Amino acid sequence: PLSTMSPSSFRALIFVSLALSIATAILGYLAQSKLPTELMSQIDILYEKHDLWKMLVSLGAMLLSLVLGLVSYYGLFFFRKWAPSLAISSTLLAGIAITFLPPIVSPGFIETLSMYGVMLWGALIAYAKSEWFVAESMRRAKA
């Protein structure tokens, strides 16, 4: 069984997970300018050749996943029973949607940061599916 942690520690980890996601997005965007121009030219060609319909559907699904993900962060932070299921759903939707995009190129440190964020997110969801989270949800609902 999972050992329990304090609600404030769980919330701190949620904040760290969200901060990692935001940092990865911002640094990933900024790092694009540091990639070799030849590589970026090839990526641009791939994007130009990519089916616009697939791109729009995928980006729409990613936007929906972002909104659902933010709602699930809120739910996890306030120990809502529905939050773990929504977090899993939004993560699955993002994973499916990203497969329809052209290749994404980023420096290794961005990939590492992203990997740590994803591992923490997965651990938080697993912890939120535990009896501790359910008990905390019920305790807070009665208060």
Protein backbone atom coordinates (compact mmCIF):
# COMPACT_ATOMS: atom_id res chain seq x y z
CA PRO A 1 0.00 0.00 0.00
CA LEU A 2 1.01 3.59 -0.57
CA SER A 3 2.13 5.51 2.46
CA THR A 4 0.14 8.62 3.16
CA MET A 5 1.36 12.12 2.72
CA SER A 6 -0.07 15.32 4.01
CA PRO A 7 -2.60 17.17 1.86
CA SER A 8 -0.22 20.13 1.70
CA SER A 9 2.60 17.90 0.37
CA PHE A 10 0.25 16.48 -2.27
CA ARG A 11 -0.75 19.99 -3.28
CA ALA A 12 2.88 21.08 -3.44
CA LEU A 13 3.60 18.20 -5.83
CA ILE A 14 0.61 19.24 -7.95
CA PHE A 15 2.06 22.74 -8.13
CA VAL A 16 5.51 21.38 -9.08
CA SER A 17 3.91 19.23 -11.81
CA LEU A 18 2.06 22.23 -13.22
CA ALA A 19 5.21 24.38 -13.01
CA LEU A 20 7.20 21.72 -14.88
CA SER A 21 4.56 21.61 -17.61
CA ILE A 22 4.57 25.37 -18.01
CA ALA A 23 8.37 25.58 -17.91
CA THR A 24 8.67 22.83 -20.52
CA ALA A 25 6.25 24.63 -22.84
CA ILE A 26 7.95 28.01 -22.48
CA LEU A 27 11.52 26.70 -22.68
CA GLY A 28 10.58 24.43 -25.58
CA TYR A 29 9.24 27.41 -27.49
CA LEU A 30 12.31 29.51 -26.71
CA ALA A 31 14.70 26.66 -27.57
CA GLN A 32 13.33 26.39 -31.10
CA SER A 33 15.42 29.42 -32.07
CA LYS A 34 18.59 27.63 -30.89
CA LEU A 35 18.12 24.65 -33.21
CA PRO A 36 20.10 24.59 -36.49
CA THR A 37 18.35 26.42 -39.31
CA GLU A 38 18.79 23.45 -41.66
CA LEU A 39 16.89 21.24 -39.23
CA MET A 40 14.14 23.81 -38.74
CA SER A 41 13.82 24.19 -42.53
CA GLN A 42 13.22 20.45 -42.83
CA ILE A 43 10.64 20.56 -40.02
CA ASP A 44 8.90 23.48 -41.76
CA ILE A 45 8.69 21.39 -44.94
CA LEU A 46 7.11 18.52 -42.98
CA TYR A 47 4.54 20.90 -41.50
CA GLU A 48 3.74 22.36 -44.93
CA LYS A 49 3.17 18.87 -46.36
CA HIS A 50 1.09 17.69 -43.41
CA ASP A 51 -2.64 17.28 -43.95
CA LEU A 52 -4.30 20.47 -42.69
CA TRP A 53 -7.43 18.63 -41.56
CA LYS A 54 -5.41 16.22 -39.39
CA MET A 55 -3.47 19.14 -37.98
CA LEU A 56 -6.61 21.10 -37.07
CA VAL A 57 -8.32 18.08 -35.49
CA SER A 58 -5.17 17.23 -33.55
CA LEU A 59 -4.65 20.79 -32.34
CA GLY A 60 -8.33 20.99 -31.34
CA ALA A 61 -7.96 17.76 -29.36
CA MET A 62 -4.79 19.11 -27.75
CA LEU A 63 -6.62 22.30 -26.76
CA LEU A 64 -9.44 20.24 -25.26
CA SER A 65 -6.86 18.11 -23.45
CA LEU A 66 -5.23 21.26 -22.07
CA VAL A 67 -8.54 22.56 -20.72
CA LEU A 68 -9.45 19.18 -19.23
CA GLY A 69 -5.95 18.89 -17.78
CA LEU A 70 -6.22 22.26 -16.07
CA VAL A 71 -9.64 21.31 -14.68
CA SER A 72 -8.14 18.05 -13.39
CA TYR A 73 -5.30 19.98 -11.70
CA TYR A 74 -7.99 22.00 -9.94
CA GLY A 75 -9.86 18.84 -8.99
CA LEU A 76 -6.75 17.13 -7.68
CA PHE A 77 -5.77 20.23 -5.71
CA PHE A 78 -9.17 20.29 -3.99
CA PHE A 79 -9.48 16.49 -3.67
CA ARG A 80 -12.47 16.04 -5.96
CA LYS A 81 -13.43 12.40 -6.58
CA TRP A 82 -13.76 12.92 -10.33
CA ALA A 83 -10.31 14.46 -10.73
CA PRO A 84 -8.17 11.30 -11.15
CA SER A 85 -10.43 9.94 -13.90
CA LEU A 86 -10.44 13.30 -15.69
CA ALA A 87 -6.65 13.51 -15.38
CA ILE A 88 -6.28 10.08 -16.99
CA SER A 89 -8.76 11.00 -19.75
CA SER A 90 -7.04 14.29 -20.58
CA THR A 91 -3.63 12.58 -20.64
CA LEU A 92 -4.90 9.83 -22.97
CA LEU A 93 -6.51 12.41 -25.25
CA ALA A 94 -3.24 14.35 -25.49
CA GLY A 95 -1.32 11.16 -26.23
CA ILE A 96 -3.68 10.20 -29.02
CA ALA A 97 -3.84 13.71 -30.49
CA ILE A 98 -0.08 14.19 -30.62
CA THR A 99 0.36 11.09 -32.77
CA PHE A 100 -1.35 12.90 -35.65
CA LEU A 101 1.06 15.85 -35.61
CA PRO A 102 4.27 16.00 -37.66
CA PRO A 103 7.51 15.23 -35.80
CA ILE A 104 8.43 17.53 -32.95
CA VAL A 105 12.08 18.44 -32.47
CA SER A 106 13.46 19.78 -29.22
CA PRO A 107 16.78 19.81 -27.35
CA GLY A 108 17.59 17.05 -24.89
CA PHE A 109 17.16 19.19 -21.78
CA ILE A 110 13.59 19.99 -22.84
CA GLU A 111 12.87 16.28 -23.31
CA THR A 112 14.36 15.55 -19.88
CA LEU A 113 12.27 18.25 -18.24
CA SER A 114 9.19 16.92 -20.00
CA MET A 115 9.99 13.37 -18.91
CA TYR A 116 10.27 14.41 -15.25
CA GLY A 117 6.98 16.28 -15.49
CA VAL A 118 5.21 13.29 -17.03
CA MET A 119 6.61 10.92 -14.39
CA LEU A 120 5.45 13.22 -11.59
CA TRP A 121 2.02 13.62 -13.21
CA GLY A 122 1.68 9.84 -13.47
CA ALA A 123 2.72 9.39 -9.85
CA LEU A 124 0.19 12.00 -8.74
CA ILE A 125 -2.59 10.30 -10.66
CA ALA A 126 -1.63 6.92 -9.20
CA TYR A 127 -1.59 8.42 -5.72
CA ALA A 128 -4.92 10.10 -6.36
CA LYS A 129 -6.42 6.72 -7.26
CA SER A 130 -5.38 5.41 -3.82
CA GLU A 131 -7.56 4.97 -0.77
CA TRP A 132 -5.88 7.97 0.86
CA PHE A 133 -7.16 10.37 -1.82
CA VAL A 134 -10.65 8.88 -1.68
CA ALA A 135 -10.69 9.19 2.13
CA GLU A 136 -9.42 12.78 1.90
CA SER A 137 -12.11 13.57 -0.71
CA MET A 138 -14.85 12.23 1.55
CA ARG A 139 -13.45 14.02 4.59
CA ARG A 140 -13.39 17.33 2.75
CA ALA A 141 -16.88 16.79 1.29
CA LYS A 142 -18.27 16.40 4.82
CA ALA A 143 -16.50 19.55 6.06
